[in-house]
Amino acid sequence: MTDAPLPITHLLYLHGFRSSPASFKARLLGEHMAQHHPDVHWHAPALPPSPKAAMAMLLSQVVNWPVPRMAVVGSSLGGFYASVIAERLGCRAVLLNPAVFPARDLAAHLGPQQVWHDPETTFVFRPEDVAALAEMQPQRITQAERYSVIIAKGDEVLDWREMHQRYQGARVLLLEGGDHALSDFAQHLPFVMQGL
């Protein structure tokens, strides 16, 4: 029998491709943490478009965090990054419609991109960024019990079957409908909090 995980003291939120810390999920979870868990250190950084730079930045930012008392929440591409961090560090992760094969999927999105929440902000997604995603792809998910995953069958961007297959053995909330953005995220906060 395994011991119950220690309560978290540090929480990292990772947004998706072309998203930002201004996404409604990031804001909603941040407000919830401030209101109900003000003692938990909340960090929702703006991720660089370069996956290599994003991962280097994240690992440097959490280097002094207590792994048994930290968790990471990630949406879409942020869910992929959260899996990479969980596999490298051994922390808990809550994934929201996570990207499973981002190198494959984002290869179709090379070139100039706009940020959803700030169309004035643009970046260029490059072939070397796709290569970096392929390089950091975990071979498999280990210790599935440390993962909680929300998967919407109605996701219009990613294939829910791939997510479900990838995270077998994890704690999964499989939604019959829904969408990629998880527009009903507020009602799933209890599931998220139980995974932390």
N, C-alpha and C. Protein backbone atom coordinates (compact mmCIF):
# COMPACT_ATOMS: atom_id res chain seq x y z
N MET A 1 0.85 -1.18 0.00
CA MET A 1 0.00 0.00 0.00
C MET A 1 0.89 1.25 0.00
N THR A 2 0.57 2.18 -0.91
CA THR A 2 1.39 3.39 -1.00
C THR A 2 0.86 4.46 -0.07
N ASP A 3 1.76 5.29 0.40
CA ASP A 3 1.35 6.40 1.25
C ASP A 3 0.59 7.43 0.43
N ALA A 4 -0.33 8.14 1.09
CA ALA A 4 -1.06 9.21 0.42
C ALA A 4 -0.07 10.32 0.05
N PRO A 5 -0.25 10.94 -1.13
CA PRO A 5 0.68 12.00 -1.51
C PRO A 5 0.58 13.19 -0.55
N LEU A 6 1.69 13.87 -0.38
CA LEU A 6 1.71 15.05 0.47
C LEU A 6 0.93 16.18 -0.18
N PRO A 7 0.29 17.04 0.63
CA PRO A 7 -0.41 18.20 0.04
C PRO A 7 0.58 19.07 -0.73
N ILE A 8 0.12 19.63 -1.84
CA ILE A 8 1.03 20.44 -2.64
C ILE A 8 1.29 21.80 -2.01
N THR A 9 2.48 22.31 -2.26
CA THR A 9 2.84 23.67 -1.86
C THR A 9 3.16 24.52 -3.07
N HIS A 10 3.35 23.87 -4.24
CA HIS A 10 3.72 24.57 -5.47
C HIS A 10 2.91 24.00 -6.64
N LEU A 11 2.35 24.91 -7.47
CA LEU A 11 1.54 24.49 -8.60
C LEU A 11 1.92 25.28 -9.85
N LEU A 12 2.23 24.55 -10.90
CA LEU A 12 2.64 25.12 -12.18
C LEU A 12 1.52 24.91 -13.19
N TYR A 13 1.14 25.98 -13.93
CA TYR A 13 0.12 25.85 -14.98
C TYR A 13 0.75 26.16 -16.33
N LEU A 14 0.55 25.26 -17.29
CA LEU A 14 1.15 25.41 -18.62
C LEU A 14 0.06 25.52 -19.69
N HIS A 15 0.06 26.63 -20.40
CA HIS A 15 -0.94 26.86 -21.44
C HIS A 15 -0.56 26.14 -22.73
N GLY A 16 -1.47 26.14 -23.68
CA GLY A 16 -1.27 25.43 -24.94
C GLY A 16 -0.66 26.27 -26.04
N PHE A 17 -0.57 25.68 -27.21
CA PHE A 17 0.00 26.33 -28.40
C PHE A 17 -0.86 27.53 -28.78
N ARG A 18 -0.20 28.66 -29.01
CA ARG A 18 -0.87 29.92 -29.36
C ARG A 18 -1.74 30.46 -28.23
N SER A 19 -1.66 29.87 -27.06
CA SER A 19 -2.42 30.36 -25.91
C SER A 19 -1.50 31.19 -25.02
N SER A 20 -1.97 31.48 -23.80
CA SER A 20 -1.18 32.32 -22.90
C SER A 20 -1.72 32.16 -21.48
N PRO A 21 -1.05 32.76 -20.49
CA PRO A 21 -1.58 32.73 -19.12
C PRO A 21 -2.90 33.49 -18.98
N ALA A 22 -3.32 34.18 -20.05
CA ALA A 22 -4.61 34.89 -20.03
C ALA A 22 -5.77 33.98 -20.43
N SER A 23 -5.50 32.71 -20.71
CA SER A 23 -6.59 31.80 -21.08
C SER A 23 -7.56 31.66 -19.92
N PHE A 24 -8.81 31.38 -20.24
CA PHE A 24 -9.81 31.33 -19.17
C PHE A 24 -9.55 30.21 -18.18
N LYS A 25 -8.97 29.09 -18.64
CA LYS A 25 -8.67 27.99 -17.71
C LYS A 25 -7.58 28.42 -16.73
N ALA A 26 -6.55 29.08 -17.24
CA ALA A 26 -5.46 29.54 -16.37
C ALA A 26 -5.99 30.55 -15.36
N ARG A 27 -6.82 31.49 -15.83
CA ARG A 27 -7.35 32.52 -14.93
C ARG A 27 -8.29 31.90 -13.89
N LEU A 28 -9.14 30.98 -14.33
CA LEU A 28 -10.10 30.36 -13.42
C LEU A 28 -9.38 29.55 -12.34
N LEU A 29 -8.39 28.76 -12.74
CA LEU A 29 -7.66 27.96 -11.76
C LEU A 29 -6.84 28.86 -10.84
N GLY A 30 -6.24 29.90 -11.41
CA GLY A 30 -5.46 30.83 -10.60
C GLY A 30 -6.32 31.53 -9.55
N GLU A 31 -7.52 31.95 -9.96
CA GLU A 31 -8.45 32.59 -9.01
C GLU A 31 -8.89 31.61 -7.93
N HIS A 32 -9.14 30.36 -8.34
CA HIS A 32 -9.55 29.34 -7.37
C HIS A 32 -8.44 29.10 -6.34
N MET A 33 -7.20 29.02 -6.82
CA MET A 33 -6.09 28.79 -5.90
C MET A 33 -5.91 29.97 -4.95
N ALA A 34 -6.02 31.19 -5.47
CA ALA A 34 -5.85 32.39 -4.64
C ALA A 34 -6.92 32.46 -3.56
N GLN A 35 -8.14 32.03 -3.93
CA GLN A 35 -9.25 32.11 -2.99
C GLN A 35 -9.25 30.98 -1.97
N HIS A 36 -8.96 29.78 -2.41
CA HIS A 36 -9.11 28.61 -1.54
C HIS A 36 -7.79 28.02 -1.03
N HIS A 37 -6.69 28.32 -1.73
CA HIS A 37 -5.39 27.77 -1.34
C HIS A 37 -4.31 28.86 -1.46
N PRO A 38 -4.48 29.97 -0.75
CA PRO A 38 -3.55 31.09 -0.91
C PRO A 38 -2.12 30.76 -0.48
N ASP A 39 -1.96 29.67 0.27
CA ASP A 39 -0.62 29.29 0.73
C ASP A 39 0.17 28.52 -0.34
N VAL A 40 -0.51 28.09 -1.41
CA VAL A 40 0.18 27.35 -2.47
C VAL A 40 0.80 28.34 -3.46
N HIS A 41 2.07 28.14 -3.76
CA HIS A 41 2.76 28.99 -4.73
C HIS A 41 2.24 28.67 -6.12
N TRP A 42 1.64 29.67 -6.79
CA TRP A 42 1.02 29.51 -8.11
C TRP A 42 1.92 30.15 -9.16
N HIS A 43 2.22 29.42 -10.21
CA HIS A 43 3.08 29.96 -11.27
C HIS A 43 2.51 29.57 -12.62
N ALA A 44 2.11 30.57 -13.43
CA ALA A 44 1.56 30.32 -14.76
C ALA A 44 2.32 31.18 -15.76
N PRO A 45 3.50 30.72 -16.19
CA PRO A 45 4.34 31.54 -17.05
C PRO A 45 3.85 31.59 -18.50
N ALA A 46 4.24 32.65 -19.20
CA ALA A 46 4.06 32.71 -20.65
C ALA A 46 5.18 31.88 -21.26
N LEU A 47 4.81 30.87 -22.01
CA LEU A 47 5.80 29.94 -22.56
C LEU A 47 6.38 30.46 -23.87
N PRO A 48 7.69 30.39 -24.04
CA PRO A 48 8.28 30.76 -25.33
C PRO A 48 7.75 29.84 -26.42
N PRO A 49 7.64 30.33 -27.66
CA PRO A 49 7.17 29.47 -28.75
C PRO A 49 8.10 28.29 -29.01
N SER A 50 9.38 28.46 -28.76
CA SER A 50 10.34 27.38 -28.96
C SER A 50 10.19 26.33 -27.86
N PRO A 51 9.86 25.08 -28.21
CA PRO A 51 9.74 24.04 -27.19
C PRO A 51 11.02 23.85 -26.38
N LYS A 52 12.17 23.94 -27.06
CA LYS A 52 13.45 23.77 -26.37
C LYS A 52 13.62 24.88 -25.32
N ALA A 53 13.32 26.12 -25.71
CA ALA A 53 13.44 27.24 -24.77
C ALA A 53 12.40 27.13 -23.66
N ALA A 54 11.18 26.68 -24.01
CA ALA A 54 10.12 26.55 -23.00
C ALA A 54 10.52 25.53 -21.94
N MET A 55 11.03 24.36 -22.36
CA MET A 55 11.39 23.32 -21.40
C MET A 55 12.57 23.75 -20.54
N ALA A 56 13.56 24.39 -21.15
CA ALA A 56 14.72 24.87 -20.39
C ALA A 56 14.27 25.89 -19.34
N MET A 57 13.38 26.80 -19.72
CA MET A 57 12.89 27.81 -18.80
C MET A 57 12.12 27.16 -17.64
N LEU A 58 11.24 26.23 -17.97
CA LEU A 58 10.41 25.59 -16.93
C LEU A 58 11.26 24.80 -15.95
N LEU A 59 12.18 24.02 -16.46
CA LEU A 59 13.02 23.21 -15.56
C LEU A 59 13.88 24.10 -14.66
N SER A 60 14.30 25.25 -15.18
CA SER A 60 15.09 26.16 -14.34
C SER A 60 14.21 26.83 -13.29
N GLN A 61 12.94 27.07 -13.63
CA GLN A 61 12.05 27.75 -12.70
C GLN A 61 11.60 26.85 -11.54
N VAL A 62 11.56 25.55 -11.77
CA VAL A 62 11.10 24.64 -10.71
C VAL A 62 12.24 23.87 -10.06
N VAL A 63 13.48 24.24 -10.38
CA VAL A 63 14.63 23.46 -9.91
C VAL A 63 14.68 23.36 -8.38
N ASN A 64 14.19 24.36 -7.69
CA ASN A 64 14.22 24.32 -6.22
C ASN A 64 12.87 23.96 -5.61
N TRP A 65 11.91 23.57 -6.44
CA TRP A 65 10.61 23.18 -5.91
C TRP A 65 10.70 21.78 -5.28
N PRO A 66 9.95 21.53 -4.19
CA PRO A 66 9.94 20.19 -3.57
C PRO A 66 9.07 19.22 -4.39
N VAL A 67 9.71 18.31 -5.09
CA VAL A 67 8.99 17.42 -6.02
C VAL A 67 7.80 16.70 -5.37
N PRO A 68 7.92 16.16 -4.13
CA PRO A 68 6.77 15.47 -3.55
C PRO A 68 5.60 16.41 -3.23
N ARG A 69 5.87 17.72 -3.23
CA ARG A 69 4.81 18.68 -2.88
C ARG A 69 4.48 19.62 -4.03
N MET A 70 4.86 19.24 -5.26
CA MET A 70 4.53 20.08 -6.41
C MET A 70 3.66 19.30 -7.39
N ALA A 71 2.94 20.05 -8.20
CA ALA A 71 2.15 19.44 -9.27
C ALA A 71 2.15 20.40 -10.45
N VAL A 72 1.86 19.84 -11.61
CA VAL A 72 1.78 20.66 -12.82
C VAL A 72 0.47 20.35 -13.54
N VAL A 73 -0.20 21.42 -13.97
CA VAL A 73 -1.43 21.31 -14.75
C VAL A 73 -1.12 21.83 -16.14
N GLY A 74 -1.51 21.09 -17.17
CA GLY A 74 -1.22 21.54 -18.53
C GLY A 74 -2.37 21.27 -19.48
N SER A 75 -2.59 22.23 -20.38
CA SER A 75 -3.66 22.12 -21.38
C SER A 75 -3.07 21.97 -22.77
N SER A 76 -3.55 20.99 -23.53
CA SER A 76 -3.15 20.78 -24.91
C SER A 76 -1.63 20.60 -25.02
N LEU A 77 -0.91 21.50 -25.73
CA LEU A 77 0.54 21.37 -25.77
C LEU A 77 1.13 21.50 -24.37
N GLY A 78 0.51 22.32 -23.53
CA GLY A 78 0.94 22.42 -22.13
C GLY A 78 0.79 21.10 -21.40
N GLY A 79 -0.20 20.30 -21.81
CA GLY A 79 -0.37 18.96 -21.23
C GLY A 79 0.77 18.04 -21.61
N PHE A 80 1.25 18.19 -22.85
CA PHE A 80 2.43 17.44 -23.28
C PHE A 80 3.64 17.86 -22.46
N TYR A 81 3.85 19.17 -22.32
CA TYR A 81 4.97 19.66 -21.51
C TYR A 81 4.85 19.17 -20.06
N ALA A 82 3.62 19.18 -19.54
CA ALA A 82 3.41 18.71 -18.16
C ALA A 82 3.81 17.25 -18.02
N SER A 83 3.52 16.44 -19.04
CA SER A 83 3.92 15.03 -19.02
C SER A 83 5.44 14.89 -19.05
N VAL A 84 6.10 15.71 -19.86
CA VAL A 84 7.57 15.67 -19.93
C VAL A 84 8.15 16.00 -18.55
N ILE A 85 7.61 17.03 -17.90
CA ILE A 85 8.11 17.43 -16.59
C ILE A 85 7.82 16.35 -15.55
N ALA A 86 6.61 15.80 -15.59
CA ALA A 86 6.25 14.75 -14.62
C ALA A 86 7.15 13.53 -14.79
N GLU A 87 7.47 13.19 -16.03
CA GLU A 87 8.35 12.03 -16.28
C GLU A 87 9.78 12.32 -15.83
N ARG A 88 10.23 13.53 -16.04
CA ARG A 88 11.62 13.87 -15.68
C ARG A 88 11.79 14.05 -14.17
N LEU A 89 10.79 14.64 -13.52
CA LEU A 89 10.94 14.96 -12.10
C LEU A 89 10.25 13.96 -11.17
N GLY A 90 9.17 13.33 -11.65
CA GLY A 90 8.43 12.40 -10.81
C GLY A 90 7.32 13.06 -10.02
N CYS A 91 6.84 14.22 -10.49
CA CYS A 91 5.77 14.93 -9.77
C CYS A 91 4.40 14.53 -10.30
N ARG A 92 3.36 15.02 -9.66
CA ARG A 92 1.98 14.80 -10.10
C ARG A 92 1.64 15.72 -11.26
N ALA A 93 0.70 15.28 -12.11
CA ALA A 93 0.28 16.09 -13.25
C ALA A 93 -1.21 15.93 -13.50
N VAL A 94 -1.85 17.04 -13.81
CA VAL A 94 -3.25 17.04 -14.25
C VAL A 94 -3.26 17.58 -15.67
N LEU A 95 -3.78 16.81 -16.60
CA LEU A 95 -3.72 17.14 -18.02
C LEU A 95 -5.12 17.41 -18.56
N LEU A 96 -5.23 18.46 -19.36
CA LEU A 96 -6.51 18.89 -19.92
C LEU A 96 -6.45 18.75 -21.43
N ASN A 97 -7.13 17.75 -21.99
CA ASN A 97 -7.04 17.46 -23.43
C ASN A 97 -5.59 17.57 -23.90
N PRO A 98 -4.70 16.73 -23.36
CA PRO A 98 -3.27 16.88 -23.66
C PRO A 98 -2.90 16.45 -25.08
N ALA A 99 -1.98 17.19 -25.67
CA ALA A 99 -1.40 16.77 -26.95
C ALA A 99 -0.57 15.51 -26.70
N VAL A 100 -0.76 14.51 -27.53
CA VAL A 100 -0.04 13.25 -27.38
C VAL A 100 1.14 13.16 -28.35
N PHE A 101 0.90 13.61 -29.59
CA PHE A 101 1.96 13.58 -30.61
C PHE A 101 2.11 14.98 -31.22
N PRO A 102 2.59 15.94 -30.43
CA PRO A 102 2.62 17.32 -30.93
C PRO A 102 3.57 17.54 -32.10
N ALA A 103 4.65 16.78 -32.18
CA ALA A 103 5.56 16.94 -33.32
C ALA A 103 4.82 16.64 -34.62
N ARG A 104 4.06 15.57 -34.62
CA ARG A 104 3.27 15.20 -35.81
C ARG A 104 2.21 16.26 -36.11
N ASP A 105 1.46 16.65 -35.07
CA ASP A 105 0.31 17.54 -35.28
C ASP A 105 0.73 18.97 -35.64
N LEU A 106 1.79 19.46 -35.01
CA LEU A 106 2.18 20.85 -35.24
C LEU A 106 3.07 21.03 -36.47
N ALA A 107 3.48 19.93 -37.09
CA ALA A 107 4.25 20.04 -38.33
C ALA A 107 3.43 20.75 -39.41
N ALA A 108 2.11 20.73 -39.26
CA ALA A 108 1.23 21.40 -40.23
C ALA A 108 1.05 22.89 -39.91
N HIS A 109 1.70 23.37 -38.86
CA HIS A 109 1.50 24.76 -38.42
C HIS A 109 2.80 25.56 -38.43
N LEU A 110 3.67 25.22 -39.34
CA LEU A 110 4.93 25.97 -39.45
C LEU A 110 4.65 27.36 -40.00
N GLY A 111 5.51 28.31 -39.60
CA GLY A 111 5.37 29.67 -40.12
C GLY A 111 4.80 30.63 -39.09
N PRO A 112 4.38 31.81 -39.53
CA PRO A 112 3.88 32.84 -38.61
C PRO A 112 2.59 32.41 -37.92
N GLN A 113 2.50 32.71 -36.63
CA GLN A 113 1.33 32.37 -35.81
C GLN A 113 0.93 33.59 -34.97
N GLN A 114 -0.37 33.69 -34.66
CA GLN A 114 -0.86 34.72 -33.76
C GLN A 114 -1.23 34.10 -32.42
N VAL A 115 -1.03 34.84 -31.35
CA VAL A 115 -1.46 34.40 -30.02
C VAL A 115 -2.96 34.68 -29.89
N TRP A 116 -3.73 33.69 -29.44
CA TRP A 116 -5.18 33.80 -29.35
C TRP A 116 -5.64 35.04 -28.58
N HIS A 117 -5.04 35.26 -27.42
CA HIS A 117 -5.54 36.29 -26.52
C HIS A 117 -4.92 37.66 -26.78
N ASP A 118 -4.02 37.71 -27.75
CA ASP A 118 -3.37 38.97 -28.09
C ASP A 118 -2.92 38.89 -29.55
N PRO A 119 -3.85 39.13 -30.49
CA PRO A 119 -3.53 38.97 -31.92
C PRO A 119 -2.38 39.85 -32.40
N GLU A 120 -2.04 40.88 -31.61
CA GLU A 120 -0.90 41.72 -31.97
C GLU A 120 0.43 40.98 -31.76
N THR A 121 0.38 39.96 -30.91
CA THR A 121 1.59 39.19 -30.61
C THR A 121 1.70 38.02 -31.59
N THR A 122 2.79 37.99 -32.31
CA THR A 122 3.00 36.91 -33.29
C THR A 122 4.34 36.22 -33.02
N PHE A 123 4.48 35.04 -33.56
CA PHE A 123 5.73 34.31 -33.49
C PHE A 123 5.82 33.40 -34.70
N VAL A 124 6.99 32.88 -34.95
CA VAL A 124 7.21 31.97 -36.07
C VAL A 124 7.52 30.59 -35.51
N PHE A 125 6.75 29.59 -35.93
CA PHE A 125 6.98 28.20 -35.51
C PHE A 125 7.83 27.54 -36.59
N ARG A 126 8.96 26.97 -36.19
CA ARG A 126 9.99 26.54 -37.13
C ARG A 126 10.16 25.01 -37.16
N PRO A 127 10.76 24.49 -38.23
CA PRO A 127 11.02 23.05 -38.31
C PRO A 127 11.83 22.53 -37.12
N GLU A 128 12.77 23.34 -36.63
CA GLU A 128 13.56 22.88 -35.47
C GLU A 128 12.71 22.77 -34.21
N ASP A 129 11.58 23.49 -34.17
CA ASP A 129 10.67 23.37 -33.04
C ASP A 129 9.94 22.02 -33.07
N VAL A 130 9.57 21.59 -34.26
CA VAL A 130 8.96 20.27 -34.43
C VAL A 130 9.96 19.19 -34.02
N ALA A 131 11.21 19.36 -34.44
CA ALA A 131 12.25 18.38 -34.09
C ALA A 131 12.46 18.32 -32.58
N ALA A 132 12.39 19.48 -31.92
CA ALA A 132 12.57 19.52 -30.46
C ALA A 132 11.43 18.78 -29.75
N LEU A 133 10.21 18.93 -30.26
CA LEU A 133 9.07 18.21 -29.67
C LEU A 133 9.26 16.70 -29.81
N ALA A 134 9.71 16.28 -30.98
CA ALA A 134 9.93 14.84 -31.22
C ALA A 134 11.01 14.31 -30.27
N GLU A 135 12.02 15.12 -30.04
CA GLU A 135 13.14 14.69 -29.20
C GLU A 135 12.74 14.55 -27.73
N MET A 136 11.85 15.41 -27.27
CA MET A 136 11.48 15.37 -25.84
C MET A 136 10.29 14.44 -25.56
N GLN A 137 9.73 13.84 -26.61
CA GLN A 137 8.57 12.96 -26.45
C GLN A 137 8.91 11.78 -25.54
N PRO A 138 8.21 11.63 -24.39
CA PRO A 138 8.46 10.46 -23.55
C PRO A 138 8.10 9.17 -24.31
N GLN A 139 8.92 8.15 -24.16
CA GLN A 139 8.64 6.87 -24.81
C GLN A 139 7.30 6.31 -24.35
N ARG A 140 7.07 6.44 -23.06
CA ARG A 140 5.79 5.99 -22.49
C ARG A 140 5.59 6.72 -21.18
N ILE A 141 4.39 6.59 -20.66
CA ILE A 141 4.06 7.19 -19.38
C ILE A 141 4.34 6.17 -18.28
N THR A 142 5.13 6.55 -17.31
CA THR A 142 5.41 5.66 -16.18
C THR A 142 4.62 6.15 -14.97
N GLN A 143 4.38 5.26 -14.02
CA GLN A 143 3.63 5.61 -12.81
C GLN A 143 2.34 6.37 -13.17
N ALA A 144 1.49 5.71 -13.94
CA ALA A 144 0.26 6.35 -14.43
C ALA A 144 -0.60 6.89 -13.30
N GLU A 145 -0.43 6.33 -12.10
CA GLU A 145 -1.28 6.76 -10.98
C GLU A 145 -1.03 8.21 -10.56
N ARG A 146 0.09 8.78 -10.99
CA ARG A 146 0.35 10.18 -10.61
C ARG A 146 -0.32 11.16 -11.58
N TYR A 147 -0.96 10.63 -12.64
CA TYR A 147 -1.61 11.47 -13.64
C TYR A 147 -3.13 11.48 -13.46
N SER A 148 -3.72 12.66 -13.62
CA SER A 148 -5.17 12.81 -13.76
C SER A 148 -5.41 13.52 -15.08
N VAL A 149 -6.37 13.02 -15.86
CA VAL A 149 -6.53 13.52 -17.23
C VAL A 149 -8.01 13.78 -17.52
N ILE A 150 -8.30 14.97 -18.04
CA ILE A 150 -9.64 15.26 -18.54
C ILE A 150 -9.58 15.17 -20.06
N ILE A 151 -10.43 14.31 -20.62
CA ILE A 151 -10.46 14.07 -22.06
C ILE A 151 -11.89 14.29 -22.56
N ALA A 152 -12.03 15.20 -23.53
CA ALA A 152 -13.35 15.46 -24.12
C ALA A 152 -13.46 14.73 -25.45
N LYS A 153 -14.46 13.86 -25.57
CA LYS A 153 -14.69 13.16 -26.84
C LYS A 153 -15.04 14.16 -27.95
N GLY A 154 -15.54 15.33 -27.56
CA GLY A 154 -15.90 16.34 -28.54
C GLY A 154 -14.75 17.25 -28.95
N ASP A 155 -13.54 16.92 -28.52
CA ASP A 155 -12.37 17.74 -28.87
C ASP A 155 -12.26 17.81 -30.39
N GLU A 156 -12.30 19.05 -30.92
CA GLU A 156 -12.28 19.25 -32.37
C GLU A 156 -10.86 19.40 -32.91
N VAL A 157 -9.86 19.38 -32.04
CA VAL A 157 -8.47 19.57 -32.46
C VAL A 157 -7.65 18.28 -32.35
N LEU A 158 -7.82 17.58 -31.24
CA LEU A 158 -7.03 16.38 -30.97
C LEU A 158 -7.94 15.15 -30.88
N ASP A 159 -7.38 13.99 -31.16
CA ASP A 159 -8.13 12.74 -31.15
C ASP A 159 -8.21 12.20 -29.71
N TRP A 160 -9.41 12.15 -29.17
CA TRP A 160 -9.58 11.70 -27.78
C TRP A 160 -9.10 10.26 -27.59
N ARG A 161 -9.20 9.45 -28.64
CA ARG A 161 -8.79 8.05 -28.52
C ARG A 161 -7.28 7.94 -28.25
N GLU A 162 -6.51 8.81 -28.89
CA GLU A 162 -5.06 8.79 -28.66
C GLU A 162 -4.73 9.20 -27.22
N MET A 163 -5.46 10.19 -26.72
CA MET A 163 -5.23 10.60 -25.32
C MET A 163 -5.58 9.46 -24.38
N HIS A 164 -6.72 8.83 -24.62
CA HIS A 164 -7.20 7.76 -23.75
C HIS A 164 -6.22 6.59 -23.76
N GLN A 165 -5.70 6.26 -24.92
CA GLN A 165 -4.74 5.17 -25.04
C GLN A 165 -3.43 5.51 -24.33
N ARG A 166 -2.97 6.74 -24.51
CA ARG A 166 -1.68 7.16 -23.95
C ARG A 166 -1.67 7.12 -22.44
N TYR A 167 -2.82 7.47 -21.82
CA TYR A 167 -2.85 7.61 -20.36
C TYR A 167 -3.64 6.48 -19.68
N GLN A 168 -3.54 5.28 -20.26
CA GLN A 168 -4.17 4.13 -19.63
C GLN A 168 -3.59 3.93 -18.24
N GLY A 169 -4.46 3.67 -17.28
CA GLY A 169 -4.02 3.47 -15.91
C GLY A 169 -4.04 4.75 -15.09
N ALA A 170 -4.20 5.89 -15.76
CA ALA A 170 -4.31 7.16 -15.06
C ALA A 170 -5.75 7.36 -14.58
N ARG A 171 -5.93 8.33 -13.72
CA ARG A 171 -7.27 8.73 -13.30
C ARG A 171 -7.84 9.60 -14.41
N VAL A 172 -8.89 9.12 -15.08
CA VAL A 172 -9.39 9.79 -16.28
C VAL A 172 -10.84 10.21 -16.10
N LEU A 173 -11.11 11.46 -16.49
CA LEU A 173 -12.48 11.94 -16.62
C LEU A 173 -12.75 12.04 -18.11
N LEU A 174 -13.55 11.11 -18.64
CA LEU A 174 -13.85 11.06 -20.07
C LEU A 174 -15.21 11.70 -20.31
N LEU A 175 -15.20 12.84 -20.98
CA LEU A 175 -16.43 13.59 -21.23
C LEU A 175 -17.04 13.15 -22.55
N GLU A 176 -18.33 12.90 -22.55
CA GLU A 176 -19.00 12.44 -23.76
C GLU A 176 -19.00 13.50 -24.85
N GLY A 177 -19.12 14.75 -24.48
CA GLY A 177 -19.10 15.84 -25.46
C GLY A 177 -17.91 16.73 -25.22
N GLY A 178 -18.21 17.99 -24.93
CA GLY A 178 -17.14 18.94 -24.63
C GLY A 178 -16.44 19.43 -25.88
N ASP A 179 -15.37 20.20 -25.68
CA ASP A 179 -14.59 20.75 -26.79
C ASP A 179 -13.13 20.85 -26.36
N HIS A 180 -12.28 21.25 -27.31
CA HIS A 180 -10.85 21.29 -27.01
C HIS A 180 -10.54 22.27 -25.89
N ALA A 181 -11.25 23.39 -25.87
CA ALA A 181 -10.98 24.43 -24.86
C ALA A 181 -11.52 24.07 -23.48
N LEU A 182 -12.32 22.99 -23.39
CA LEU A 182 -13.02 22.65 -22.14
C LEU A 182 -13.79 23.87 -21.63
N SER A 183 -14.74 24.31 -22.44
CA SER A 183 -15.54 25.49 -22.11
C SER A 183 -16.27 25.35 -20.78
N ASP A 184 -16.52 24.11 -20.35
CA ASP A 184 -17.19 23.86 -19.07
C ASP A 184 -16.18 23.55 -17.97
N PHE A 185 -14.98 24.10 -18.09
CA PHE A 185 -13.88 23.78 -17.16
C PHE A 185 -14.26 24.01 -15.70
N ALA A 186 -15.06 25.04 -15.45
CA ALA A 186 -15.41 25.38 -14.05
C ALA A 186 -16.02 24.19 -13.33
N GLN A 187 -16.86 23.42 -14.01
CA GLN A 187 -17.52 22.31 -13.32
C GLN A 187 -16.58 21.13 -13.09
N HIS A 188 -15.40 21.16 -13.71
CA HIS A 188 -14.44 20.07 -13.54
C HIS A 188 -13.33 20.42 -12.54
N LEU A 189 -13.42 21.59 -11.92
CA LEU A 189 -12.40 21.98 -10.94
C LEU A 189 -12.26 20.95 -9.80
N PRO A 190 -13.35 20.38 -9.29
CA PRO A 190 -13.18 19.37 -8.23
C PRO A 190 -12.30 18.20 -8.67
N PHE A 191 -12.46 17.74 -9.92
CA PHE A 191 -11.63 16.65 -10.42
C PHE A 191 -10.17 17.08 -10.47
N VAL A 192 -9.93 18.31 -10.94
CA VAL A 192 -8.57 18.84 -11.01
C VAL A 192 -7.96 18.87 -9.62
N MET A 193 -8.70 19.42 -8.67
CA MET A 193 -8.15 19.58 -7.32
C MET A 193 -7.88 18.24 -6.66
N GLN A 194 -8.68 17.23 -6.96
CA GLN A 194 -8.46 15.90 -6.38
C GLN A 194 -7.18 15.27 -6.93
N GLY A 195 -6.74 15.74 -8.10
CA GLY A 195 -5.53 15.17 -8.70
C GLY A 195 -4.25 15.84 -8.23
N LEU A 196 -4.41 16.91 -7.44
CA LEU A 196 -3.23 17.66 -6.99
C LEU A 196 -2.72 17.16 -5.66
